[in-house]
Every structure is written in C-alpha cells, then in structure tokens.
Amino acid sequence: MGRRLVAEGCSRYEEGPSPDRSEADRRSYALWQQKQGFSGKDADGIPGKVTWDRPKS
C-alpha cells in the first residue's frame, strides 16, 4: 500500500514506506482519501473499499 501511495503523490513518509503499518501510512492514506474528495471522518486514513478501488487520477 505504501508504495502505491507514494506513486500517487500521497506520501507523508519521512522514511519508507516499510512492510510494517505505521502512523505515516495512516496519514498518507488520509491524503489519498482527501485527493479523492473525501473529508472529515471519511478521510480518516483507514483504508476502505471505495477509495482503494477508485481509478488513478
């Protein structure tokens, strides 16, 4: 997931990504959700099927 987020320009990593899930993964995924138009609790950084399956922008 982290490599895809970096490729999509949604990186909040200072180092990595790594195989272990971290707070940087959550922040990066929240950025991805915001990029998709979600906000508030819908952009909490927790992966969900709707945002993950959306086509690349």
PDB file of N, CA and C in Angstrom:
ATOM      1  N   MET A   1       0.812  -1.169   0.000  1.00  0.00           N
ATOM      2  CA  MET A   1       0.000   0.000   0.000  1.00  0.00           C
ATOM      3  C   MET A   1       0.867   1.249   0.000  1.00  0.00           C
ATOM      4  N   GLY A   2       1.910   1.247   0.806  1.00  0.00           N
ATOM      5  CA  GLY A   2       2.761   2.430   0.904  1.00  0.00           C
ATOM      6  C   GLY A   2       3.384   2.817  -0.423  1.00  0.00           C
ATOM      7  N   ARG A   3       3.847   1.831  -1.174  1.00  0.00           N
ATOM      8  CA  ARG A   3       4.443   2.140  -2.486  1.00  0.00           C
ATOM      9  C   ARG A   3       3.412   2.748  -3.421  1.00  0.00           C
ATOM     10  N   ARG A   4       2.175   2.267  -3.371  1.00  0.00           N
ATOM     11  CA  ARG A   4       1.139   2.843  -4.228  1.00  0.00           C
ATOM     12  C   ARG A   4       0.848   4.285  -3.812  1.00  0.00           C
ATOM     13  N   LEU A   5       0.786   4.555  -2.528  1.00  0.00           N
ATOM     14  CA  LEU A   5       0.536   5.911  -2.061  1.00  0.00           C
ATOM     15  C   LEU A   5       1.641   6.863  -2.515  1.00  0.00           C
ATOM     16  N   VAL A   6       2.875   6.430  -2.429  1.00  0.00           N
ATOM     17  CA  VAL A   6       3.997   7.248  -2.907  1.00  0.00           C
ATOM     18  C   VAL A   6       3.852   7.502  -4.401  1.00  0.00           C
ATOM     19  N   ALA A   7       3.534   6.461  -5.172  1.00  0.00           N
ATOM     20  CA  ALA A   7       3.376   6.596  -6.621  1.00  0.00           C
ATOM     21  C   ALA A   7       2.251   7.557  -6.981  1.00  0.00           C
ATOM     22  N   GLU A   8       1.240   7.650  -6.126  1.00  0.00           N
ATOM     23  CA  GLU A   8       0.097   8.531  -6.360  1.00  0.00           C
ATOM     24  C   GLU A   8       0.333   9.946  -5.838  1.00  0.00           C
ATOM     25  N   GLY A   9       1.520  10.203  -5.294  1.00  0.00           N
ATOM     26  CA  GLY A   9       1.821  11.533  -4.781  1.00  0.00           C
ATOM     27  C   GLY A   9       1.193  11.812  -3.429  1.00  0.00           C
ATOM     28  N   CYS A  10       0.911  10.771  -2.683  1.00  0.00           N
ATOM     29  CA  CYS A  10       0.261  10.914  -1.373  1.00  0.00           C
ATOM     30  C   CYS A  10       1.157  10.382  -0.267  1.00  0.00           C
ATOM     31  N   SER A  11       2.360  10.916  -0.181  1.00  0.00           N
ATOM     32  CA  SER A  11       3.320  10.423   0.794  1.00  0.00           C
ATOM     33  C   SER A  11       3.456  11.358   1.977  1.00  0.00           C
ATOM     34  N   ARG A  12       3.343  10.811   3.152  1.00  0.00           N
ATOM     35  CA  ARG A  12       3.641  11.514   4.390  1.00  0.00           C
ATOM     36  C   ARG A  12       4.772  10.771   5.113  1.00  0.00           C
ATOM     37  N   TYR A  13       5.577  10.052   4.326  1.00  0.00           N
ATOM     38  CA  TYR A  13       6.667   9.269   4.892  1.00  0.00           C
ATOM     39  C   TYR A  13       7.919  10.119   5.032  1.00  0.00           C
ATOM     40  N   GLU A  14       8.546  10.068   6.199  1.00  0.00           N
ATOM     41  CA  GLU A  14       9.865  10.663   6.367  1.00  0.00           C
ATOM     42  C   GLU A  14      10.905   9.639   5.943  1.00  0.00           C
ATOM     43  N   GLU A  15      10.549   8.376   6.112  1.00  0.00           N
ATOM     44  CA  GLU A  15      11.403   7.255   5.756  1.00  0.00           C
ATOM     45  C   GLU A  15      10.484   6.112   5.373  1.00  0.00           C
ATOM     46  N   GLY A  16      10.822   5.399   4.329  1.00  0.00           N
ATOM     47  CA  GLY A  16       9.975   4.271   3.959  1.00  0.00           C
ATOM     48  C   GLY A  16       9.204   4.537   2.700  1.00  0.00           C
ATOM     49  N   PRO A  17       8.149   3.871   2.445  1.00  0.00           N
ATOM     50  CA  PRO A  17       7.357   3.057   3.371  1.00  0.00           C
ATOM     51  C   PRO A  17       8.036   1.729   3.707  1.00  0.00           C
ATOM     52  N   SER A  18       7.566   1.138   4.767  1.00  0.00           N
ATOM     53  CA  SER A  18       8.105  -0.153   5.198  1.00  0.00           C
ATOM     54  C   SER A  18       6.994  -1.193   5.191  1.00  0.00           C
ATOM     55  N   PRO A  19       7.370  -2.462   5.371  1.00  0.00           N
ATOM     56  CA  PRO A  19       6.348  -3.522   5.394  1.00  0.00           C
ATOM     57  C   PRO A  19       5.409  -3.435   6.606  1.00  0.00           C
ATOM     58  N   ASP A  20       5.828  -2.718   7.656  1.00  0.00           N
ATOM     59  CA  ASP A  20       5.020  -2.608   8.860  1.00  0.00           C
ATOM     60  C   ASP A  20       4.138  -1.365   8.781  1.00  0.00           C
ATOM     61  N   ARG A  21       2.861  -1.520   9.085  1.00  0.00           N
ATOM     62  CA  ARG A  21       1.922  -0.398   9.062  1.00  0.00           C
ATOM     63  C   ARG A  21       2.290   0.601  10.152  1.00  0.00           C
ATOM     64  N   SER A  22       2.247   1.882   9.812  1.00  0.00           N
ATOM     65  CA  SER A  22       2.649   2.923  10.749  1.00  0.00           C
ATOM     66  C   SER A  22       1.697   4.113  10.678  1.00  0.00           C
ATOM     67  N   GLU A  23       1.935   5.077  11.543  1.00  0.00           N
ATOM     68  CA  GLU A  23       1.169   6.310  11.531  1.00  0.00           C
ATOM     69  C   GLU A  23       1.372   7.054  10.209  1.00  0.00           C
ATOM     70  N   ALA A  24       2.563   6.948   9.618  1.00  0.00           N
ATOM     71  CA  ALA A  24       2.818   7.575   8.319  1.00  0.00           C
ATOM     72  C   ALA A  24       1.923   6.956   7.238  1.00  0.00           C
ATOM     73  N   ASP A  25       1.642   5.672   7.333  1.00  0.00           N
ATOM     74  CA  ASP A  25       0.715   5.030   6.393  1.00  0.00           C
ATOM     75  C   ASP A  25      -0.685   5.630   6.543  1.00  0.00           C
ATOM     76  N   ARG A  26      -1.133   5.795   7.776  1.00  0.00           N
ATOM     77  CA  ARG A  26      -2.454   6.354   8.009  1.00  0.00           C
ATOM     78  C   ARG A  26      -2.551   7.780   7.475  1.00  0.00           C
ATOM     79  N   ARG A  27      -1.529   8.589   7.749  1.00  0.00           N
ATOM     80  CA  ARG A  27      -1.537   9.974   7.258  1.00  0.00           C
ATOM     81  C   ARG A  27      -1.465  10.022   5.732  1.00  0.00           C
ATOM     82  N   SER A  28      -0.694   9.134   5.132  1.00  0.00           N
ATOM     83  CA  SER A  28      -0.593   9.089   3.675  1.00  0.00           C
ATOM     84  C   SER A  28      -1.915   8.653   3.063  1.00  0.00           C
ATOM     85  N   TYR A  29      -2.569   7.671   3.674  1.00  0.00           N
ATOM     86  CA  TYR A  29      -3.854   7.215   3.154  1.00  0.00           C
ATOM     87  C   TYR A  29      -4.924   8.285   3.328  1.00  0.00           C
ATOM     88  N   ALA A  30      -4.866   9.042   4.415  1.00  0.00           N
ATOM     89  CA  ALA A  30      -5.805  10.150   4.611  1.00  0.00           C
ATOM     90  C   ALA A  30      -5.630  11.173   3.494  1.00  0.00           C
ATOM     91  N   LEU A  31      -4.384  11.430   3.104  1.00  0.00           N
ATOM     92  CA  LEU A  31      -4.131  12.345   1.993  1.00  0.00           C
ATOM     93  C   LEU A  31      -4.737  11.799   0.703  1.00  0.00           C
ATOM     94  N   TRP A  32      -4.618  10.494   0.476  1.00  0.00           N
ATOM     95  CA  TRP A  32      -5.227   9.851  -0.698  1.00  0.00           C
ATOM     96  C   TRP A  32      -6.747  10.038  -0.673  1.00  0.00           C
ATOM     97  N   GLN A  33      -7.355   9.824   0.496  1.00  0.00           N
ATOM     98  CA  GLN A  33      -8.797   9.987   0.615  1.00  0.00           C
ATOM     99  C   GLN A  33      -9.211  11.440   0.324  1.00  0.00           C
ATOM    100  N   GLN A  34      -8.443  12.385   0.828  1.00  0.00           N
ATOM    101  CA  GLN A  34      -8.734  13.794   0.563  1.00  0.00           C
ATOM    102  C   GLN A  34      -8.606  14.100  -0.930  1.00  0.00           C
ATOM    103  N   LYS A  35      -7.590  13.529  -1.566  1.00  0.00           N
ATOM    104  CA  LYS A  35      -7.398  13.709  -3.009  1.00  0.00           C
ATOM    105  C   LYS A  35      -8.605  13.185  -3.783  1.00  0.00           C
ATOM    106  N   GLN A  36      -9.284  12.193  -3.229  1.00  0.00           N
ATOM    107  CA  GLN A  36     -10.463  11.611  -3.863  1.00  0.00           C
ATOM    108  C   GLN A  36     -11.740  12.386  -3.533  1.00  0.00           C
ATOM    109  N   GLY A  37     -11.628  13.446  -2.739  1.00  0.00           N
ATOM    110  CA  GLY A  37     -12.787  14.279  -2.439  1.00  0.00           C
ATOM    111  C   GLY A  37     -13.452  14.010  -1.104  1.00  0.00           C
ATOM    112  N   PHE A  38     -12.904  13.116  -0.311  1.00  0.00           N
ATOM    113  CA  PHE A  38     -13.466  12.821   0.997  1.00  0.00           C
ATOM    114  C   PHE A  38     -12.934  13.816   2.021  1.00  0.00           C
ATOM    115  N   SER A  39     -13.688  14.045   3.087  1.00  0.00           N
ATOM    116  CA  SER A  39     -13.248  14.946   4.139  1.00  0.00           C
ATOM    117  C   SER A  39     -13.789  14.455   5.471  1.00  0.00           C
ATOM    118  N   GLY A  40     -13.354  15.119   6.535  1.00  0.00           N
ATOM    119  CA  GLY A  40     -13.814  14.752   7.874  1.00  0.00           C
ATOM    120  C   GLY A  40     -13.523  13.304   8.209  1.00  0.00           C
ATOM    121  N   LYS A  41     -14.493  12.637   8.844  1.00  0.00           N
ATOM    122  CA  LYS A  41     -14.274  11.246   9.262  1.00  0.00           C
ATOM    123  C   LYS A  41     -14.167  10.295   8.072  1.00  0.00           C
ATOM    124  N   ASP A  42     -14.579  10.741   6.885  1.00  0.00           N
ATOM    125  CA  ASP A  42     -14.444   9.907   5.690  1.00  0.00           C
ATOM    126  C   ASP A  42     -13.020   9.953   5.122  1.00  0.00           C
ATOM    127  N   ALA A  43     -12.187  10.823   5.681  1.00  0.00           N
ATOM    128  CA  ALA A  43     -10.779  10.901   5.292  1.00  0.00           C
ATOM    129  C   ALA A  43      -9.913  10.678   6.528  1.00  0.00           C
ATOM    130  N   ASP A  44     -10.184   9.556   7.204  1.00  0.00           N
ATOM    131  CA  ASP A  44      -9.511   9.258   8.465  1.00  0.00           C
ATOM    132  C   ASP A  44      -8.218   8.469   8.309  1.00  0.00           C
ATOM    133  N   GLY A  45      -7.887   8.081   7.084  1.00  0.00           N
ATOM    134  CA  GLY A  45      -6.664   7.333   6.862  1.00  0.00           C
ATOM    135  C   GLY A  45      -6.802   5.838   7.035  1.00  0.00           C
ATOM    136  N   ILE A  46      -8.016   5.378   7.249  1.00  0.00           N
ATOM    137  CA  ILE A  46      -8.258   3.936   7.368  1.00  0.00           C
ATOM    138  C   ILE A  46      -8.742   3.443   6.009  1.00  0.00           C
ATOM    139  N   PRO A  47      -7.995   2.510   5.387  1.00  0.00           N
ATOM    140  CA  PRO A  47      -8.370   2.035   4.054  1.00  0.00           C
ATOM    141  C   PRO A  47      -9.777   1.448   4.018  1.00  0.00           C
ATOM    142  N   GLY A  48     -10.483   1.796   2.977  1.00  0.00           N
ATOM    143  CA  GLY A  48     -11.802   1.258   2.728  1.00  0.00           C
ATOM    144  C   GLY A  48     -11.937   0.924   1.253  1.00  0.00           C
ATOM    145  N   LYS A  49     -12.842   0.077   0.918  1.00  0.00           N
ATOM    146  CA  LYS A  49     -13.001  -0.409  -0.448  1.00  0.00           C
ATOM    147  C   LYS A  49     -13.283   0.718  -1.446  1.00  0.00           C
ATOM    148  N   VAL A  50     -14.073   1.696  -1.078  1.00  0.00           N
ATOM    149  CA  VAL A  50     -14.457   2.755  -2.018  1.00  0.00           C
ATOM    150  C   VAL A  50     -13.239   3.523  -2.513  1.00  0.00           C
ATOM    151  N   THR A  51     -12.410   4.041  -1.598  1.00  0.00           N
ATOM    152  CA  THR A  51     -11.263   4.824  -2.054  1.00  0.00           C
ATOM    153  C   THR A  51     -10.182   3.963  -2.680  1.00  0.00           C
ATOM    154  N   TRP A  52      -9.944   2.778  -2.146  1.00  0.00           N
ATOM    155  CA  TRP A  52      -8.872   1.938  -2.683  1.00  0.00           C
ATOM    156  C   TRP A  52      -9.165   1.495  -4.108  1.00  0.00           C
ATOM    157  N   ASP A  53     -10.430   1.246  -4.420  1.00  0.00           N
ATOM    158  CA  ASP A  53     -10.795   0.754  -5.749  1.00  0.00           C
ATOM    159  C   ASP A  53     -10.962   1.864  -6.792  1.00  0.00           C
ATOM    160  N   ARG A  54     -10.962   3.124  -6.374  1.00  0.00           N
ATOM    161  CA  ARG A  54     -11.134   4.207  -7.338  1.00  0.00           C
ATOM    162  C   ARG A  54      -9.974   4.227  -8.317  1.00  0.00           C
ATOM    163  N   PRO A  55     -10.263   4.568  -9.568  1.00  0.00           N
ATOM    164  CA  PRO A  55      -9.181   4.649 -10.557  1.00  0.00           C
ATOM    165  C   PRO A  55      -8.196   5.747 -10.200  1.00  0.00           C
ATOM    166  N   LYS A  56      -6.994   5.609 -10.712  1.00  0.00           N
ATOM    167  CA  LYS A  56      -5.971   6.626 -10.508  1.00  0.00           C
ATOM    168  C   LYS A  56      -6.441   7.928 -11.135  1.00  0.00           C
ATOM    169  N   SER A  57      -6.073   9.036 -10.485  1.00  0.00           N
ATOM    170  CA  SER A  57      -6.466  10.348 -11.033  1.00  0.00           C
ATOM    171  C   SER A  57      -5.337  10.945 -11.833  1.00  0.00           C
TER     172      SER A  57
END
